[in-house]
Amino acid sequence: MGCSKKSTSNTDNTPPVITIISPLNNQHFNAGEIIQTTANVTDNDRITELHIHVNNATTGILLRDIHSFPGQSTSTVQDSFAAEAGISYTIKIIAYDVAHNLATAQVNVSVN
């Protein structure tokens, strides 16, 4: 009796779906105000990695890098930080599923 490996002919080419709940794209904040980031992510199988990248939109410098590893078909990722005067931010959500499909979504916000 020999060993056999189960072969699957189904290939997952469907990336996760990201819905950014907050902040809204082009939303304006006052200095010192808390910028709350919330995004819902779904996948037809499992989400293996979620990232929130917060960059200075002018310089491109990465200011925050939040990671989570949900291992489920749905997940919510959250983060918050205080807005600094005169900085515009790009907030990017990055998601990978078990088949290494990639999805990204982003919003831009500015601060007085």
C-alpha atoms as a PDB file:
ATOM      1  CA  MET A   1       0.000   0.000   0.000  1.00  0.00           C
ATOM      2  CA  GLY A   2       1.580   3.284  -1.091  1.00  0.00           C
ATOM      3  CA  CYS A   3       1.132   6.844  -0.011  1.00  0.00           C
ATOM      4  CA  SER A   4      -0.823   9.193  -2.170  1.00  0.00           C
ATOM      5  CA  LYS A   5      -1.162  12.911  -2.024  1.00  0.00           C
ATOM      6  CA  LYS A   6      -4.503  14.523  -2.561  1.00  0.00           C
ATOM      7  CA  SER A   7      -4.433  16.616  -5.694  1.00  0.00           C
ATOM      8  CA  THR A   8      -6.681  19.591  -6.120  1.00  0.00           C
ATOM      9  CA  SER A   9      -7.460  21.129  -9.455  1.00  0.00           C
ATOM     10  CA  ASN A  10      -8.996  24.263  -7.943  1.00  0.00           C
ATOM     11  CA  THR A  11      -6.710  27.267  -7.933  1.00  0.00           C
ATOM     12  CA  ASP A  12      -7.659  30.247  -5.823  1.00  0.00           C
ATOM     13  CA  ASN A  13      -7.098  33.398  -7.875  1.00  0.00           C
ATOM     14  CA  THR A  14      -9.569  35.496  -5.899  1.00  0.00           C
ATOM     15  CA  PRO A  15      -7.934  38.193  -3.776  1.00  0.00           C
ATOM     16  CA  PRO A  16      -9.399  39.353  -0.464  1.00  0.00           C
ATOM     17  CA  VAL A  17     -11.920  42.202  -0.510  1.00  0.00           C
ATOM     18  CA  ILE A  18     -11.074  45.270   1.602  1.00  0.00           C
ATOM     19  CA  THR A  19     -13.629  47.824   2.763  1.00  0.00           C
ATOM     20  CA  ILE A  20     -12.175  50.837   4.552  1.00  0.00           C
ATOM     21  CA  ILE A  21     -14.762  52.056   7.058  1.00  0.00           C
ATOM     22  CA  SER A  22     -12.736  54.966   8.425  1.00  0.00           C
ATOM     23  CA  PRO A  23     -11.264  57.407   7.786  1.00  0.00           C
ATOM     24  CA  LEU A  24     -12.947  58.598   4.621  1.00  0.00           C
ATOM     25  CA  ASN A  25     -10.818  59.399   1.593  1.00  0.00           C
ATOM     26  CA  ASN A  26      -9.744  63.081   1.601  1.00  0.00           C
ATOM     27  CA  GLN A  27     -11.035  63.546   5.155  1.00  0.00           C
ATOM     28  CA  HIS A  28      -9.621  66.552   6.998  1.00  0.00           C
ATOM     29  CA  PHE A  29      -8.453  66.425  10.644  1.00  0.00           C
ATOM     30  CA  ASN A  30      -7.307  69.030  13.131  1.00  0.00           C
ATOM     31  CA  ALA A  31      -3.880  68.676  14.754  1.00  0.00           C
ATOM     32  CA  GLY A  32      -4.108  66.475  17.842  1.00  0.00           C
ATOM     33  CA  GLU A  33      -7.315  64.808  16.699  1.00  0.00           C
ATOM     34  CA  ILE A  34      -7.283  60.999  16.746  1.00  0.00           C
ATOM     35  CA  ILE A  35      -7.344  59.348  13.319  1.00  0.00           C
ATOM     36  CA  GLN A  36      -9.117  56.009  13.739  1.00  0.00           C
ATOM     37  CA  THR A  37      -8.505  53.449  10.997  1.00  0.00           C
ATOM     38  CA  THR A  38     -10.971  50.585  10.614  1.00  0.00           C
ATOM     39  CA  ALA A  39     -11.176  48.185   7.686  1.00  0.00           C
ATOM     40  CA  ASN A  40     -13.163  45.005   7.108  1.00  0.00           C
ATOM     41  CA  VAL A  41     -11.582  42.278   5.006  1.00  0.00           C
ATOM     42  CA  THR A  42     -13.216  39.162   3.574  1.00  0.00           C
ATOM     43  CA  ASP A  43     -11.893  36.268   1.512  1.00  0.00           C
ATOM     44  CA  ASN A  44     -13.342  33.191  -0.141  1.00  0.00           C
ATOM     45  CA  ASP A  45     -10.947  31.043   1.956  1.00  0.00           C
ATOM     46  CA  ARG A  46      -8.758  32.528   4.702  1.00  0.00           C
ATOM     47  CA  ILE A  47      -6.941  35.810   5.259  1.00  0.00           C
ATOM     48  CA  THR A  48      -3.396  35.056   6.354  1.00  0.00           C
ATOM     49  CA  GLU A  49      -1.955  38.570   6.763  1.00  0.00           C
ATOM     50  CA  LEU A  50      -3.323  42.076   7.282  1.00  0.00           C
ATOM     51  CA  HIS A  51      -1.249  45.240   7.394  1.00  0.00           C
ATOM     52  CA  ILE A  52      -1.988  48.892   8.016  1.00  0.00           C
ATOM     53  CA  HIS A  53       0.694  51.176   6.592  1.00  0.00           C
ATOM     54  CA  VAL A  54       0.552  54.855   7.464  1.00  0.00           C
ATOM     55  CA  ASN A  55       2.870  56.965   5.332  1.00  0.00           C
ATOM     56  CA  ASN A  56       3.663  60.646   5.184  1.00  0.00           C
ATOM     57  CA  ALA A  57       2.042  61.387   1.814  1.00  0.00           C
ATOM     58  CA  THR A  58       4.614  64.070   0.981  1.00  0.00           C
ATOM     59  CA  THR A  59       7.850  62.234   1.816  1.00  0.00           C
ATOM     60  CA  GLY A  60       6.657  58.633   1.493  1.00  0.00           C
ATOM     61  CA  ILE A  61       8.202  57.774   4.863  1.00  0.00           C
ATOM     62  CA  LEU A  62       6.499  54.854   6.611  1.00  0.00           C
ATOM     63  CA  LEU A  63       5.263  56.113   9.997  1.00  0.00           C
ATOM     64  CA  ARG A  64       3.248  53.133  11.253  1.00  0.00           C
ATOM     65  CA  ASP A  65       3.227  49.454  10.276  1.00  0.00           C
ATOM     66  CA  ILE A  66       0.602  47.327  12.025  1.00  0.00           C
ATOM     67  CA  HIS A  67       0.382  43.560  11.376  1.00  0.00           C
ATOM     68  CA  SER A  68      -2.172  40.887  12.200  1.00  0.00           C
ATOM     69  CA  PHE A  69      -2.563  37.253  11.174  1.00  0.00           C
ATOM     70  CA  PRO A  70      -6.284  36.384  11.397  1.00  0.00           C
ATOM     71  CA  GLY A  71      -6.496  32.939   9.724  1.00  0.00           C
ATOM     72  CA  GLN A  72     -10.239  33.397   9.089  1.00  0.00           C
ATOM     73  CA  SER A  73     -12.385  34.311   6.102  1.00  0.00           C
ATOM     74  CA  THR A  74     -13.410  37.646   7.654  1.00  0.00           C
ATOM     75  CA  SER A  75     -11.497  40.057   9.826  1.00  0.00           C
ATOM     76  CA  THR A  76     -11.427  43.647  11.006  1.00  0.00           C
ATOM     77  CA  VAL A  77      -8.188  45.572  11.394  1.00  0.00           C
ATOM     78  CA  GLN A  78      -7.970  48.743  13.490  1.00  0.00           C
ATOM     79  CA  ASP A  79      -5.444  51.345  14.555  1.00  0.00           C
ATOM     80  CA  SER A  80      -5.471  54.918  15.801  1.00  0.00           C
ATOM     81  CA  PHE A  81      -2.947  57.712  16.080  1.00  0.00           C
ATOM     82  CA  ALA A  82      -2.856  61.441  16.813  1.00  0.00           C
ATOM     83  CA  ALA A  83      -2.818  63.726  13.768  1.00  0.00           C
ATOM     84  CA  GLU A  84       0.236  65.960  13.471  1.00  0.00           C
ATOM     85  CA  ALA A  85      -0.123  69.501  12.159  1.00  0.00           C
ATOM     86  CA  GLY A  86       0.649  70.037   8.481  1.00  0.00           C
ATOM     87  CA  ILE A  87       1.046  66.365   7.550  1.00  0.00           C
ATOM     88  CA  SER A  88      -0.941  64.559   4.893  1.00  0.00           C
ATOM     89  CA  TYR A  89      -1.179  60.811   5.398  1.00  0.00           C
ATOM     90  CA  THR A  90      -1.708  57.866   3.079  1.00  0.00           C
ATOM     91  CA  ILE A  91      -3.310  54.988   4.967  1.00  0.00           C
ATOM     92  CA  LYS A  92      -2.992  51.708   3.102  1.00  0.00           C
ATOM     93  CA  ILE A  93      -4.576  48.381   3.980  1.00  0.00           C
ATOM     94  CA  ILE A  94      -2.787  45.303   2.620  1.00  0.00           C
ATOM     95  CA  ALA A  95      -4.283  41.796   2.754  1.00  0.00           C
ATOM     96  CA  TYR A  96      -3.001  38.373   1.698  1.00  0.00           C
ATOM     97  CA  ASP A  97      -4.965  35.157   1.605  1.00  0.00           C
ATOM     98  CA  VAL A  98      -3.828  31.557   2.005  1.00  0.00           C
ATOM     99  CA  ALA A  99      -3.126  31.325  -1.759  1.00  0.00           C
ATOM    100  CA  HIS A 100      -0.930  34.479  -1.541  1.00  0.00           C
ATOM    101  CA  ASN A 101      -3.433  36.621  -3.453  1.00  0.00           C
ATOM    102  CA  LEU A 102      -2.852  40.279  -2.646  1.00  0.00           C
ATOM    103  CA  ALA A 103      -5.364  43.081  -2.179  1.00  0.00           C
ATOM    104  CA  THR A 104      -4.733  46.728  -1.280  1.00  0.00           C
ATOM    105  CA  ALA A 105      -6.906  49.740  -0.582  1.00  0.00           C
ATOM    106  CA  GLN A 106      -5.942  53.204   0.548  1.00  0.00           C
ATOM    107  CA  VAL A 107      -7.242  56.578   1.624  1.00  0.00           C
ATOM    108  CA  ASN A 108      -5.560  59.945   1.908  1.00  0.00           C
ATOM    109  CA  VAL A 109      -6.179  62.326   4.802  1.00  0.00           C
ATOM    110  CA  SER A 110      -4.813  65.756   5.669  1.00  0.00           C
ATOM    111  CA  VAL A 111      -4.265  67.717   8.857  1.00  0.00           C
ATOM    112  CA  ASN A 112      -4.511  71.475   9.503  1.00  0.00           C
END
